[in-house]
Structure formats: structure tokens, C-alpha cells
Protein backbone atom coordinates (compact mmCIF):
# COMPACT_ATOMS: atom_id res chain seq x y z
CA MET A 1 135.20 19.23 117.86
CA ASN A 2 134.38 19.63 114.21
CA SER A 3 130.80 19.31 113.02
CA PHE A 4 129.97 16.33 110.83
CA ARG A 5 129.60 17.21 107.15
CA SER A 6 128.53 14.25 105.02
CA ALA A 7 129.33 14.06 101.32
CA LEU A 8 126.46 12.99 99.09
CA THR A 9 127.28 9.79 97.18
CA ALA A 10 125.59 7.51 94.71
CA THR A 11 124.61 5.24 97.58
CA ALA A 12 122.41 7.87 99.14
CA ILE A 13 118.84 6.65 98.96
CA ALA A 14 117.00 9.63 100.35
CA LEU A 15 117.74 13.17 101.30
CA CYS A 16 115.53 14.81 103.85
CA CYS A 17 115.85 18.53 104.38
CA THR A 18 113.18 19.95 106.63
CA GLN A 19 115.21 22.76 108.10
CA VAL A 20 117.97 24.63 106.33
CA TYR A 21 120.52 26.99 107.77
CA ALA A 22 120.47 30.26 105.89
CA GLN A 23 124.26 30.53 105.98
CA THR A 24 125.30 26.97 105.08
CA LYS A 25 122.27 25.56 103.26
CA LYS A 26 123.02 22.20 104.85
CA PRO A 27 120.24 19.70 105.66
CA LEU A 28 119.47 19.00 109.29
CA ILE A 29 119.33 15.27 108.59
CA THR A 30 120.17 12.97 105.69
CA VAL A 31 118.43 9.60 105.59
CA LYS A 32 120.43 6.71 104.09
CA SER A 33 118.82 3.30 103.67
CA MET A 34 121.06 0.25 103.29
CA ASP A 35 118.47 -2.50 103.72
CA PRO A 36 114.71 -2.83 103.00
CA ALA A 37 114.12 -3.38 106.72
CA PHE A 38 115.30 0.18 107.36
CA ASP A 39 112.49 1.60 105.21
CA LYS A 40 109.93 0.11 107.61
CA LEU A 41 111.57 1.93 110.53
CA VAL A 42 112.53 5.27 108.99
CA SER A 43 110.64 6.92 106.17
CA LYS A 44 112.60 8.37 103.26
CA ASP A 45 110.58 11.52 103.98
CA ALA A 46 111.41 11.58 107.70
CA LYS A 47 111.09 15.11 108.98
CA ALA A 48 113.33 16.82 111.53
CA GLU A 49 113.05 20.05 113.48
CA ILE A 50 115.06 21.85 116.12
CA LEU A 51 113.05 21.95 119.36
CA ALA A 52 115.47 24.03 121.41
CA GLU A 53 119.03 25.33 121.24
CA GLY A 54 121.52 27.41 123.18
CA PHE A 55 122.87 24.55 125.32
CA THR A 56 126.57 24.11 126.07
CA TRP A 57 126.51 20.32 125.67
CA SER A 58 123.15 18.55 125.56
CA GLU A 59 122.81 14.97 126.78
CA GLY A 60 120.54 12.35 128.33
CA PRO A 61 117.17 13.02 126.62
CA LEU A 62 114.16 11.43 128.27
CA TRP A 63 110.60 11.64 126.95
CA ILE A 64 107.99 11.41 129.72
CA GLU A 65 104.67 10.56 128.15
CA LYS A 66 102.54 11.18 131.26
CA HIS A 67 103.58 14.83 131.36
CA LYS A 68 104.13 15.23 127.60
CA MET A 69 107.59 16.64 128.29
CA LEU A 70 111.14 16.04 127.21
CA LEU A 71 113.90 16.32 129.80
CA LEU A 72 117.57 16.69 128.90
CA SER A 73 120.83 17.48 130.64
CA ASP A 74 123.12 20.38 129.92
CA VAL A 75 126.17 18.66 131.32
CA LYS A 76 128.45 21.69 131.47
CA GLU A 77 125.82 24.08 132.83
CA ASN A 78 124.75 21.78 135.69
CA LYS A 79 121.09 21.96 134.71
CA ILE A 80 118.26 19.78 133.49
CA TYR A 81 115.97 21.44 130.98
CA LYS A 82 112.37 20.69 130.12
CA TRP A 83 110.73 21.09 126.73
CA THR A 84 106.97 21.08 126.18
CA ALA A 85 104.94 21.98 123.14
CA GLY A 86 103.18 24.76 125.06
CA LYS A 87 106.12 26.51 126.71
CA GLY A 88 109.17 25.35 124.82
CA LYS A 89 112.51 25.29 126.68
CA GLU A 90 112.53 25.87 130.46
CA VAL A 91 114.97 25.15 133.29
CA TYR A 92 113.66 22.08 135.10
CA LEU A 93 116.32 21.44 137.76
CA ASN A 94 119.28 23.52 138.94
CA PRO A 95 121.72 22.22 140.10
CA SER A 96 121.37 18.80 138.54
CA GLY A 97 124.70 17.02 138.97
CA TYR A 98 127.06 18.95 141.22
CA THR A 99 126.04 20.29 144.61
CA GLY A 100 129.50 20.90 146.04
CA THR A 101 130.77 24.30 147.18
CA ILE A 102 134.21 24.17 145.54
CA PRO A 103 134.07 25.83 142.10
CA ARG A 104 134.99 23.47 139.29
CA GLY A 105 134.71 23.20 135.53
CA GLY A 106 134.28 20.43 133.01
CA GLU A 107 131.25 18.18 132.77
CA LEU A 108 129.86 18.71 136.24
CA GLY A 109 126.11 18.40 135.71
CA SER A 110 123.72 15.53 135.19
CA ASN A 111 124.14 13.20 132.24
CA GLY A 112 121.94 10.17 131.62
CA LEU A 113 118.35 10.34 132.86
CA GLY A 114 115.77 7.61 133.36
CA LEU A 115 112.54 6.67 135.08
CA SER A 116 112.51 4.03 137.79
CA ASN A 117 109.83 1.37 137.73
CA ASP A 118 107.80 3.44 140.19
CA GLY A 119 108.06 6.60 138.07
CA LYS A 120 110.85 8.48 139.87
CA LEU A 121 113.54 10.45 138.04
CA VAL A 122 116.92 8.69 138.25
CA ILE A 123 119.97 10.81 137.44
CA CYS A 124 123.57 10.05 136.57
CA GLN A 125 125.47 12.86 138.29
CA ASP A 126 128.86 13.60 136.76
CA GLY A 127 129.90 16.20 139.33
CA ASN A 128 128.75 14.36 142.46
CA ARG A 129 130.00 11.07 140.94
CA GLN A 130 126.94 9.04 141.85
CA VAL A 131 123.60 7.70 140.68
CA VAL A 132 120.70 9.33 142.51
CA ILE A 133 116.96 9.55 142.59
CA MET A 134 115.30 12.98 142.67
CA ASP A 135 113.42 13.16 145.96
CA ALA A 136 110.53 15.16 144.55
CA PRO A 137 107.55 14.61 142.21
CA LEU A 138 108.19 14.85 138.47
CA ASP A 139 105.81 17.79 138.16
CA LYS A 140 107.32 19.62 141.16
CA PRO A 141 111.07 19.14 140.73
CA GLU A 142 113.54 20.09 143.45
CA PRO A 143 117.33 19.58 143.69
CA LYS A 144 116.89 17.07 146.50
CA PHE A 145 118.61 13.75 145.90
CA LYS A 146 118.90 10.30 147.44
CA ALA A 147 121.97 8.33 146.46
CA LEU A 148 121.34 4.92 144.93
CA ALA A 149 125.04 4.27 144.33
CA ALA A 150 127.93 6.49 145.47
CA ASN A 151 130.90 4.10 145.39
CA TYR A 152 132.03 0.56 144.78
CA ASN A 153 133.99 -1.12 147.57
CA GLY A 154 134.76 2.31 148.98
CA LEU A 155 136.09 3.74 145.70
CA LYS A 156 134.21 6.67 144.22
CA PHE A 157 132.91 6.36 140.71
CA ASP A 158 134.44 8.57 138.02
CA SER A 159 131.26 10.03 136.52
CA PRO A 160 128.19 7.83 135.97
CA ASN A 161 127.07 8.43 132.41
CA ASP A 162 124.13 6.38 131.20
CA LEU A 163 121.73 3.79 132.58
CA THR A 164 119.08 1.20 131.77
CA PHE A 165 116.44 -0.51 133.90
CA MET A 166 115.46 -4.14 134.38
CA SER A 167 111.81 -4.97 134.98
CA ASN A 168 112.76 -6.30 138.44
CA GLY A 169 114.08 -2.86 139.48
CA ASP A 170 117.81 -3.43 138.92
CA ILE A 171 119.73 -0.56 137.27
CA TYR A 172 122.73 -1.04 135.00
CA PHE A 173 125.00 1.96 134.43
CA THR A 174 128.29 2.97 132.83
CA ASP A 175 131.10 4.97 134.40
CA PRO A 176 133.57 6.63 131.98
CA PRO A 177 135.97 9.39 133.12
CA TYR A 178 134.46 12.34 131.26
CA GLY A 179 133.12 14.11 134.34
CA LEU A 180 136.56 14.36 135.89
CA GLU A 181 138.20 17.65 134.98
CA LYS A 182 141.42 15.94 133.83
CA ASN A 183 139.78 12.76 132.56
CA VAL A 184 141.77 9.58 133.34
CA GLY A 185 144.68 11.70 134.60
CA ASP A 186 142.63 13.47 137.23
CA PRO A 187 144.11 13.22 140.74
CA LEU A 188 140.62 12.60 142.12
CA LYS A 189 140.16 9.41 140.11
CA GLU A 190 140.01 6.47 142.52
CA ALA A 191 139.30 3.31 140.52
CA PRO A 192 142.14 2.21 138.19
CA TYR A 193 139.65 1.21 135.46
CA GLN A 194 136.41 2.24 133.80
CA GLY A 195 133.48 0.17 134.96
CA VAL A 196 130.00 -1.01 134.14
CA TYR A 197 127.92 -1.65 137.25
CA ARG A 198 124.58 -2.93 138.47
CA ILE A 199 122.54 -1.51 141.33
CA SER A 200 120.35 -4.34 142.61
CA LYS A 201 116.90 -3.57 143.93
CA ASN A 202 118.26 -4.25 147.42
CA GLY A 203 120.89 -1.52 146.95
CA LYS A 204 123.93 -3.75 146.36
CA VAL A 205 126.41 -2.45 143.75
CA THR A 206 128.15 -5.03 141.55
CA LEU A 207 131.03 -4.45 139.14
CA LEU A 208 130.06 -6.22 135.91
CA THR A 209 133.09 -5.48 133.73
CA LYS A 210 136.17 -3.27 133.76
CA GLU A 211 137.36 -4.30 130.30
CA ILE A 212 135.65 -1.56 128.25
CA SER A 213 137.96 1.43 127.87
CA ARG A 214 135.21 4.11 127.68
CA PRO A 215 131.81 2.57 128.54
CA ASN A 216 129.02 4.93 127.56
CA GLY A 217 125.55 4.25 126.16
CA ILE A 218 123.77 1.18 127.51
CA ALA A 219 120.43 -0.54 126.83
CA LEU A 220 118.71 -3.88 127.30
CA PHE A 221 117.25 -5.86 124.42
CA PRO A 222 113.60 -6.94 124.69
CA GLY A 223 113.33 -10.00 126.89
CA GLU A 224 116.24 -8.81 129.07
CA LYS A 225 118.53 -11.65 128.00
CA ARG A 226 121.12 -9.39 126.30
CA ILE A 227 122.59 -5.96 126.91
CA LEU A 228 124.37 -3.54 124.55
CA ILE A 229 127.14 -1.16 125.64
CA ALA A 230 128.80 1.56 123.54
CA ASN A 231 132.52 2.23 123.82
CA SER A 232 133.21 5.91 123.14
CA ASP A 233 136.90 5.31 122.51
CA PRO A 234 138.06 6.47 119.03
CA ALA A 235 140.69 3.71 119.12
CA LYS A 236 138.02 1.04 119.80
CA PRO A 237 134.73 2.45 118.45
CA HIS A 238 132.72 -0.70 119.18
CA TRP A 239 129.31 -1.56 120.48
CA TYR A 240 129.64 -4.65 122.69
CA VAL A 241 126.84 -7.13 123.28
CA TYR A 242 126.66 -9.48 126.27
CA ASP A 243 124.38 -12.26 127.33
CA LEU A 244 122.92 -11.96 130.82
CA ASP A 245 123.13 -15.10 132.93
CA LYS A 246 120.50 -16.20 135.44
CA ASN A 247 122.01 -13.83 138.02
CA GLY A 248 121.96 -10.84 135.67
CA LEU A 249 125.74 -10.86 135.18
CA LEU A 250 127.51 -10.26 131.86
CA THR A 251 128.73 -13.25 129.83
CA ASN A 252 129.83 -14.02 126.26
CA GLU A 253 131.20 -10.64 125.24
CA LYS A 254 131.04 -10.00 121.48
CA ILE A 255 131.55 -6.99 119.25
CA PHE A 256 128.07 -6.14 118.00
CA TYR A 257 129.19 -3.51 115.49
CA THR A 258 132.20 -1.28 114.87
CA ALA A 259 131.87 2.28 113.64
CA GLU A 260 134.14 3.54 110.91
CA MET A 261 135.82 6.63 112.27
CA PRO A 262 136.09 9.60 109.89
CA LYS A 263 139.54 10.21 108.50
CA ASN A 264 139.05 13.92 107.95
CA GLY A 265 138.21 15.11 111.43
CA TYR A 266 136.60 14.23 114.74
CA SER A 267 132.86 13.91 114.34
CA GLY A 268 131.62 11.81 117.20
CA VAL A 269 132.07 8.35 118.70
CA PRO A 270 129.68 5.58 119.81
CA ASP A 271 127.62 7.28 122.52
CA GLY A 272 124.05 7.04 123.77
CA LEU A 273 121.60 4.52 122.33
CA LYS A 274 118.09 3.12 122.55
CA ILE A 275 116.55 -0.20 121.50
CA ASP A 276 112.99 -0.38 120.20
CA LYS A 277 110.35 -2.98 121.04
CA GLN A 278 111.42 -5.18 118.11
CA GLY A 279 115.08 -5.14 119.13
CA ASN A 280 116.29 -2.61 116.56
CA VAL A 281 119.10 -0.38 117.80
CA PHE A 282 119.23 3.40 117.33
CA ALA A 283 122.75 4.35 118.36
CA THR A 284 124.43 7.74 118.18
CA GLY A 285 127.90 7.61 116.72
CA PRO A 286 130.20 9.18 114.11
CA GLY A 287 128.00 11.31 111.90
CA GLY A 288 124.62 10.71 113.49
CA ILE A 289 122.42 7.71 114.29
CA PHE A 290 123.25 4.13 113.30
CA VAL A 291 120.19 1.88 112.90
CA LEU A 292 120.99 -1.80 113.36
CA ASN A 293 118.87 -4.90 113.72
CA SER A 294 119.07 -7.18 116.75
CA SER A 295 121.85 -9.22 115.12
CA GLY A 296 124.11 -6.21 114.56
CA LYS A 297 123.46 -5.70 110.85
CA LEU A 298 123.58 -2.07 109.78
CA LEU A 299 120.22 -1.22 108.20
CA GLY A 300 120.80 2.46 107.58
CA LYS A 301 121.81 5.78 109.04
CA ILE A 302 120.24 9.06 109.96
CA GLU A 303 123.10 11.44 109.40
CA VAL A 304 122.82 14.52 111.58
CA ASP A 305 124.40 17.90 110.97
CA ASP A 306 126.54 18.27 114.13
CA LEU A 307 127.42 15.89 116.95
CA ALA A 308 124.75 13.55 118.31
CA SER A 309 125.19 12.41 121.91
CA ASN A 310 122.06 10.43 122.79
CA CYS A 311 118.44 9.80 121.86
CA SER A 312 115.03 8.95 123.30
CA PHE A 313 111.88 7.46 121.77
CA SER A 314 108.38 8.81 122.05
CA ALA A 315 105.88 6.44 123.65
CA ASP A 316 104.78 5.02 120.28
CA GLN A 317 108.39 4.94 119.00
CA LYS A 318 107.42 6.81 115.85
CA THR A 319 109.47 9.83 116.95
CA ILE A 320 113.01 10.09 118.26
CA TYR A 321 114.50 13.00 120.20
CA VAL A 322 118.23 13.56 119.70
CA THR A 323 120.57 15.66 121.82
CA ASN A 324 122.72 17.32 119.20
CA ASN A 325 125.60 19.35 120.68
CA ARG A 326 124.09 22.78 121.47
CA ARG A 327 120.53 21.81 120.59
CA VAL A 328 117.92 19.07 120.72
CA ILE A 329 116.11 17.90 117.60
CA LYS A 330 112.95 15.93 116.97
CA ILE A 331 112.81 13.41 114.13
CA ALA A 332 109.45 12.01 112.96
CA LEU A 333 110.60 8.57 111.83
CA ARG A 334 107.40 7.58 110.05
């Protein structure tokens, strides 16, 4: 995959360069405002720094305020890493997503990470093809897992990717084919579709939709009446929004926003996303992070030098952590 290289244009409102590569002299981020509302969310002087690098493919960032630590998956290395201000990058959990004995390649580790309502680490496991809870305290991690969802109607999932949590304890998650070594053509694939599912607090798994070709990032809007799902399909680079009915099921599908795919090379697709307390969307996609309001209007972009896969807010939502191919970066928004 080619790294994203943005061309400066007359529409660029602000250029932020807080870290420069000696060889390329390229900025780490470029801030582009397209609406006055963006300027209240992201400063024109937003600063970025690389927290850690040397990953094979970084994903699933999760800031845990109680422990002042950032967790993230290295999907291909089958590990979860921890970053803290005092010690920097450390291995947190190994293995994280595949505990089988048969050697395999591809994206076999953990992917999306989240905290349950009772503070337990919930993991999307690509290799084991299930959603699990780590059966150990956050400050004493162990590769001991309890499955929350391992199949739907007897069919194994492909590779659970990302997840979001309802206040009542329900978990919504996406299941694209990326963890299978041969993707949709893998002989181990069991379901003839890609699904979005719900794990109810009583353990029941429900298929919510099988109409999204590559369901990926997922997040609830404030109030839990709507949900946003990214489709990481270059042929349909949409973010879909759904209403949630009284039973928590998806209704009224609409295209929330469509990314314009670069014509000069592959530089990312709609991927992980987060929604702030006001309903603004920070979504990784082609070229970096799209910032949209709750109605789907593009407010601006934070263009990132290299592929961005997912993001996580700090507790006060003034900082965002972005998994960025072989590294993780921190952006002080304001």
C-alpha cells in the first residue's frame, strides 16, 4: 500500500508540522478546515507526535484513563501493546488474537479493543474468530479469554473487527473477512456474507445486517438512537447511518458520507471511527481523518502522512490517538 501524500492547494487553511522526517521533509499532519465549526474542534495549530513505532500493522487504539495508558493491537504480530508516558511502548498481551497451534499468517491477532461497562477488556480476535473478554485485571493482563460470541447459528465469524457498547451492556460489532488468510476466498469462511452483529447482555447473538460488503468501524451517536458503520470497500467507500428501533435493531439505512477515493494510488479506505460527546464524527479514511458533524457534513480533515486505521479519544476529548500503519501518533486537537 502506498503512503498518502497530499498536495498543498489554495484551499488549505492551515499547515501543522510538528515532526518532520529528515529524509522527506513531509509534515506528520496537515490540518484543513472547511467549515467554521471545524475550528472549534481542531486548532489550526494542532500538534502531533509519534508515540511509538515499529509495528507491523497497528490497530484498535484504546485510551484507558484510569491507568493513563494507551492499548493498541499489532494485528499481524498477535500482540497488544501498551504505551505510557513513563515507560513508552511495552508488550501488554501475547498472544492477543490467535491461540491455535497450527502456524498461520495474515491478520491473526487482536483488532478492535474496548472496555465493557464493568471495566473489562473486550477484544475482537481475528485469528480465533470471536469476540472475547480478557479474564484478568487490566493492570495484570494474561492471555486468558472468555468467549462472548464465537458463532452465529453455528457458523463461525470471519474475523470480528471493531465494536461499540450500549449503556445497557449490549455490544455491536462488525465482521469483515480480513482476518482470513485468503479473505473472502478462504476455504475456512463459513458465512456467505459479511455481517454486523449484536451481543445482548444475556449472551444472545443477533445478525443485524448482511448488506454491507466490508463492515469495519462502528460507533453509536450520543443518545444511542443512531449508529454509524464504515464500509472499507474501495468500490463503495461509504459510511452508513442507521436508526435503532426500540429493540436495538437497525432501521432506515442511509449513506452518511462517501469518501472520494484517490485516483493516483491506494491510500486507505473508511476504517475505524469515534464519535465525540456532541455527535461529531472522527473517521479514518483515505488520507487521514475525516471530521463530520452529526448530520454528515464534512467540516474538515486531518490529513496524516501514511495510512490511518483507527483512533481513540482521551478522556477530555482534547486529544486523539491514531494508529498509523507501523506507528501510533498523538494529536493535541486544541
